[in-house]
């Protein structure tokens, strides 16, 4: 984990003319939304498992003893219970499909990145070293548009384009790397995968989609705050104007821009 050094209380660090005053501590809405989403999904899963076991047992006994007509002839009717099981099964199918699709895209992205990697430009390597980013956490591909993103579920890395090092000045490049380093530190690619699967799995819980949107916005705000804590606001703003933001695009699409 990379942390900023804390100056002694008796001698606070002085700030240069271009430095940005440390913003007041703000709640991390992205993390809160993510953990609330996983907690709600976990509670729903526990209730569904317990309820489904009971419903399946009751329905199986009635159908075995009285035939399929027991679903609508029994009082109270078992049709609502059967419908509930069908909805639960549909959610499981949707969640499985979403997970398989996301993992397939992630695997294809990794393969494409490895196939198109080029040596890290010296200027970008020096900026990454100053930002505390290990060489193993940085990969570069040739592209005409300046961009940087974080990928990798269990070993997150920063993927940057050669144009990023060429088009951004030193301060802007440092701000972008600080932004992406925060995504690496928080393991946002893995969290993003989970945040996409859960609303698909529990599509009948609309709050999860709302929390997913809050997490997506909050994680970017958190990364911006981490960059602003170390670099001038003008540098981050300039980088945002020049760089292109990519979230759920495939590597071939990125390289075509």
Protein backbone atom coordinates (compact mmCIF):
# COMPACT_ATOMS: atom_id res chain seq x y z
CA UNK A 1 0.00 0.00 0.00
CA UNK A 2 1.35 3.40 -0.98
CA UNK A 3 0.72 6.16 1.53
CA UNK A 4 1.74 9.77 1.70
CA UNK A 5 4.29 10.62 4.36
CA UNK A 6 2.78 12.53 7.25
CA UNK A 7 4.73 15.64 8.35
CA UNK A 8 5.44 16.16 12.04
CA UNK A 9 2.80 18.05 13.93
CA UNK A 10 5.26 20.65 15.19
CA UNK A 11 6.58 21.45 11.73
CA UNK A 12 3.87 21.12 9.08
CA UNK A 13 5.08 20.82 5.51
CA UNK A 14 5.16 24.06 3.59
CA UNK A 15 3.31 24.33 0.31
CA UNK A 16 4.66 25.71 -2.91
CA UNK A 17 2.89 28.44 -4.84
CA UNK A 18 1.24 25.94 -7.19
CA UNK A 19 0.19 23.42 -4.57
CA UNK A 20 -3.44 22.88 -3.71
CA UNK A 21 -4.54 23.18 -0.08
CA UNK A 22 -5.56 19.83 1.32
CA UNK A 23 -9.33 19.51 0.89
CA UNK A 24 -11.43 18.67 3.92
CA UNK A 25 -11.91 14.98 4.47
CA UNK A 26 -14.98 13.81 2.59
CA UNK A 27 -16.94 10.58 2.92
CA UNK A 28 -15.95 7.92 0.43
CA UNK A 29 -19.33 7.42 -1.21
CA UNK A 30 -17.91 4.88 -3.65
CA UNK A 31 -16.70 2.49 -0.95
CA UNK A 32 -19.86 2.94 1.08
CA UNK A 33 -22.03 2.18 -1.93
CA UNK A 34 -19.98 -0.88 -2.83
CA UNK A 35 -20.02 -2.44 0.63
CA UNK A 36 -23.70 -1.64 1.10
CA UNK A 37 -24.42 -3.29 -2.24
CA UNK A 38 -22.51 -6.44 -1.30
CA UNK A 39 -24.18 -6.53 2.12
CA UNK A 40 -27.67 -6.27 0.60
CA UNK A 41 -26.83 -8.91 -1.98
CA UNK A 42 -25.46 -11.21 0.72
CA UNK A 43 -28.56 -10.80 2.87
CA UNK A 44 -30.82 -11.40 -0.12
CA UNK A 45 -28.85 -14.51 -1.05
CA UNK A 46 -29.19 -15.93 2.47
CA UNK A 47 -32.95 -15.29 2.52
CA UNK A 48 -33.41 -16.73 -0.95
CA UNK A 49 -31.49 -19.90 -0.11
CA UNK A 50 -33.50 -20.46 3.07
CA UNK A 51 -36.82 -19.64 1.42
CA UNK A 52 -36.13 -21.64 -1.71
CA UNK A 53 -35.28 -24.76 0.27
CA UNK A 54 -38.60 -24.56 2.10
CA UNK A 55 -40.61 -23.83 -1.05
CA UNK A 56 -38.97 -26.59 -3.05
CA UNK A 57 -39.66 -29.08 -0.26
CA UNK A 58 -43.34 -28.11 -0.01
CA UNK A 59 -43.90 -28.06 -3.78
CA UNK A 60 -42.12 -31.38 -4.29
CA UNK A 61 -44.27 -33.08 -1.65
CA UNK A 62 -47.53 -31.74 -3.05
CA UNK A 63 -46.68 -32.53 -6.65
CA UNK A 64 -45.43 -36.02 -5.74
CA UNK A 65 -48.60 -36.81 -3.80
CA UNK A 66 -51.24 -35.09 -5.94
CA UNK A 67 -49.68 -34.44 -9.32
CA UNK A 68 -48.87 -31.20 -11.10
CA UNK A 69 -52.43 -29.93 -10.57
CA UNK A 70 -51.55 -29.48 -6.91
CA UNK A 71 -49.86 -26.21 -7.87
CA UNK A 72 -53.23 -24.51 -8.45
CA UNK A 73 -55.66 -26.80 -6.65
CA UNK A 74 -53.96 -26.64 -3.27
CA UNK A 75 -55.17 -23.98 -0.84
CA UNK A 76 -53.39 -21.70 -0.53
CA UNK A 77 -52.23 -21.90 -4.13
CA UNK A 78 -48.63 -22.86 -4.77
CA UNK A 79 -48.43 -20.87 -7.99
CA UNK A 80 -46.97 -17.75 -6.30
CA UNK A 81 -44.30 -19.93 -4.73
CA UNK A 82 -43.49 -21.50 -8.10
CA UNK A 83 -43.35 -18.04 -9.68
CA UNK A 84 -40.97 -16.87 -6.96
CA UNK A 85 -38.69 -19.83 -7.63
CA UNK A 86 -38.80 -19.04 -11.35
CA UNK A 87 -37.77 -15.44 -10.73
CA UNK A 88 -34.95 -16.62 -8.49
CA UNK A 89 -33.79 -19.04 -11.17
CA UNK A 90 -33.90 -16.30 -13.78
CA UNK A 91 -31.75 -14.11 -11.55
CA UNK A 92 -29.23 -16.91 -11.13
CA UNK A 93 -29.08 -17.38 -14.90
CA UNK A 94 -28.65 -13.64 -15.49
CA UNK A 95 -25.91 -13.43 -12.89
CA UNK A 96 -24.08 -16.41 -14.33
CA UNK A 97 -24.28 -14.97 -17.83
CA UNK A 98 -23.09 -11.55 -16.64
CA UNK A 99 -20.14 -13.09 -14.80
CA UNK A 100 -19.16 -15.29 -17.74
CA UNK A 101 -19.38 -12.37 -20.16
CA UNK A 102 -17.38 -10.03 -17.91
CA UNK A 103 -14.69 -12.64 -17.29
CA UNK A 104 -14.48 -13.34 -21.01
CA UNK A 105 -14.02 -9.65 -21.78
CA UNK A 106 -11.40 -9.35 -19.06
CA UNK A 107 -9.46 -12.34 -20.40
CA UNK A 108 -9.59 -10.98 -23.94
CA UNK A 109 -8.42 -7.58 -22.70
CA UNK A 110 -5.43 -9.15 -20.92
CA UNK A 111 -4.45 -11.10 -24.01
CA UNK A 112 -4.77 -8.05 -26.22
CA UNK A 113 -2.72 -5.92 -23.85
CA UNK A 114 0.06 -8.50 -23.71
CA UNK A 115 0.12 -8.86 -27.48
CA UNK A 116 0.33 -5.10 -28.08
CA UNK A 117 2.70 -4.09 -25.30
CA UNK A 118 5.69 -1.94 -26.12
CA UNK A 119 8.61 -0.83 -23.93
CA UNK A 120 7.72 1.85 -21.43
CA UNK A 121 8.94 5.28 -22.65
CA UNK A 122 11.70 6.65 -20.45
CA UNK A 123 9.69 9.76 -19.58
CA UNK A 124 6.72 7.69 -18.45
CA UNK A 125 8.94 5.29 -16.51
CA UNK A 126 10.54 8.17 -14.60
CA UNK A 127 7.14 9.69 -13.81
CA UNK A 128 5.83 6.32 -12.59
CA UNK A 129 8.88 5.82 -10.38
CA UNK A 130 8.38 9.27 -8.83
CA UNK A 131 4.73 8.39 -8.23
CA UNK A 132 5.73 5.21 -6.41
CA UNK A 133 4.33 2.87 -9.08
CA UNK A 134 6.46 -0.30 -9.47
CA UNK A 135 7.55 -1.18 -12.98
CA UNK A 136 5.56 -4.42 -12.84
CA UNK A 137 2.38 -2.39 -12.32
CA UNK A 138 2.75 -0.38 -15.53
CA UNK A 139 2.13 -1.49 -19.12
CA UNK A 140 2.19 0.60 -22.29
CA UNK A 141 0.55 0.14 -25.69
CA UNK A 142 0.93 2.22 -28.83
CA UNK A 143 -2.08 4.43 -29.49
CA UNK A 144 -2.69 7.85 -30.99
CA UNK A 145 -4.94 9.02 -28.15
CA UNK A 146 -3.65 9.75 -24.65
CA UNK A 147 -5.30 7.50 -22.11
CA UNK A 148 -4.62 5.61 -18.92
CA UNK A 149 -6.76 3.01 -17.21
CA UNK A 150 -6.48 0.36 -14.53
CA UNK A 151 -7.13 -3.29 -15.33
CA UNK A 152 -6.52 -6.67 -13.73
CA UNK A 153 -8.77 -8.40 -11.22
CA UNK A 154 -6.26 -9.83 -8.77
CA UNK A 155 -3.09 -8.03 -9.84
CA UNK A 156 -4.29 -4.60 -10.95
CA UNK A 157 -2.03 -2.69 -13.31
CA UNK A 158 -2.02 0.64 -15.11
CA UNK A 159 -2.29 0.54 -18.89
CA UNK A 160 -1.15 3.75 -20.59
CA UNK A 161 -0.74 4.79 -24.20
CA UNK A 162 2.43 6.12 -25.76
CA UNK A 163 0.51 9.30 -26.57
CA UNK A 164 -0.06 9.89 -22.86
CA UNK A 165 3.66 10.39 -22.26
CA UNK A 166 4.01 12.47 -25.41
CA UNK A 167 1.05 14.85 -25.06
CA UNK A 168 0.90 15.58 -21.32
CA UNK A 169 3.37 17.79 -19.52
CA UNK A 170 5.14 16.64 -16.38
CA UNK A 171 2.59 17.88 -13.88
CA UNK A 172 -0.36 16.49 -15.86
CA UNK A 173 1.32 13.12 -16.26
CA UNK A 174 2.01 12.94 -12.53
CA UNK A 175 -1.63 13.77 -11.75
CA UNK A 176 -2.93 11.06 -14.09
CA UNK A 177 -0.62 8.45 -12.59
CA UNK A 178 -1.69 9.44 -9.07
CA UNK A 179 -5.31 9.03 -10.13
CA UNK A 180 -4.72 5.57 -11.57
CA UNK A 181 -2.54 4.51 -8.66
CA UNK A 182 -5.51 5.08 -6.37
CA UNK A 183 -7.58 2.72 -8.53
CA UNK A 184 -4.80 0.14 -8.19
CA UNK A 185 -4.63 0.61 -4.43
CA UNK A 186 -8.38 0.17 -4.05
CA UNK A 187 -8.50 -2.81 -6.45
CA UNK A 188 -11.25 -1.11 -8.39
CA UNK A 189 -11.23 -3.51 -11.40
CA UNK A 190 -12.28 -6.41 -9.15
CA UNK A 191 -14.86 -4.27 -7.36
CA UNK A 192 -16.20 -3.06 -10.70
CA UNK A 193 -16.71 -6.66 -11.85
CA UNK A 194 -18.62 -7.50 -8.67
CA UNK A 195 -20.65 -4.30 -8.95
CA UNK A 196 -21.73 -5.25 -12.47
CA UNK A 197 -22.65 -8.85 -11.61
CA UNK A 198 -24.74 -8.22 -8.49
CA UNK A 199 -27.46 -6.04 -10.11
CA UNK A 200 -27.77 -8.63 -12.89
CA UNK A 201 -28.04 -11.50 -10.40
CA UNK A 202 -30.56 -9.71 -8.18
CA UNK A 203 -32.37 -7.77 -10.90
CA UNK A 204 -35.51 -7.71 -8.77
CA UNK A 205 -33.73 -5.47 -6.23
CA UNK A 206 -33.61 -2.06 -7.97
CA UNK A 207 -31.55 -0.51 -5.16
CA UNK A 208 -28.51 -2.45 -6.34
CA UNK A 209 -28.49 -0.69 -9.70
CA UNK A 210 -28.66 2.65 -7.90
CA UNK A 211 -25.78 1.66 -5.63
CA UNK A 212 -23.78 0.50 -8.64
CA UNK A 213 -24.14 3.95 -10.21
CA UNK A 214 -23.09 5.60 -6.94
CA UNK A 215 -20.07 3.35 -6.69
CA UNK A 216 -19.00 4.10 -10.27
CA UNK A 217 -19.16 7.84 -9.64
CA UNK A 218 -17.67 7.63 -6.15
CA UNK A 219 -14.60 5.64 -7.17
CA UNK A 220 -13.66 8.31 -9.71
CA UNK A 221 -14.16 11.08 -7.17
CA UNK A 222 -11.98 9.22 -4.69
CA UNK A 223 -9.21 8.84 -7.28
CA UNK A 224 -9.47 12.52 -8.16
CA UNK A 225 -9.19 13.50 -4.50
CA UNK A 226 -6.11 11.31 -4.13
CA UNK A 227 -4.52 13.06 -7.12
CA UNK A 228 -5.47 16.52 -5.83
CA UNK A 229 -3.94 15.76 -2.45
CA UNK A 230 -0.50 15.65 -4.11
CA UNK A 231 -0.80 17.69 -7.29
CA UNK A 232 -2.18 21.08 -8.37
CA UNK A 233 -5.78 21.26 -9.52
CA UNK A 234 -4.71 22.80 -12.81
CA UNK A 235 -2.57 19.75 -13.60
CA UNK A 236 -5.45 17.33 -13.10
CA UNK A 237 -7.84 19.53 -15.04
CA UNK A 238 -5.39 19.81 -17.92
CA UNK A 239 -4.89 16.06 -17.96
CA UNK A 240 -8.65 15.49 -18.07
CA UNK A 241 -8.95 17.82 -21.04
CA UNK A 242 -6.24 15.99 -22.97
CA UNK A 243 -6.72 12.40 -21.93
CA UNK A 244 -9.55 10.16 -23.01
CA UNK A 245 -11.54 8.23 -20.43
CA UNK A 246 -12.16 4.55 -21.10
CA UNK A 247 -14.13 2.30 -18.82
CA UNK A 248 -15.77 -0.75 -20.39
CA UNK A 249 -14.20 -0.72 -23.87
CA UNK A 250 -12.26 -3.52 -25.49
CA UNK A 251 -8.61 -3.04 -26.29
CA UNK A 252 -9.07 -3.04 -30.10
CA UNK A 253 -11.62 -0.22 -29.73
CA UNK A 254 -9.18 1.76 -27.60
CA UNK A 255 -6.35 1.33 -30.09
CA UNK A 256 -8.48 2.57 -32.98
CA UNK A 257 -9.04 6.03 -31.47
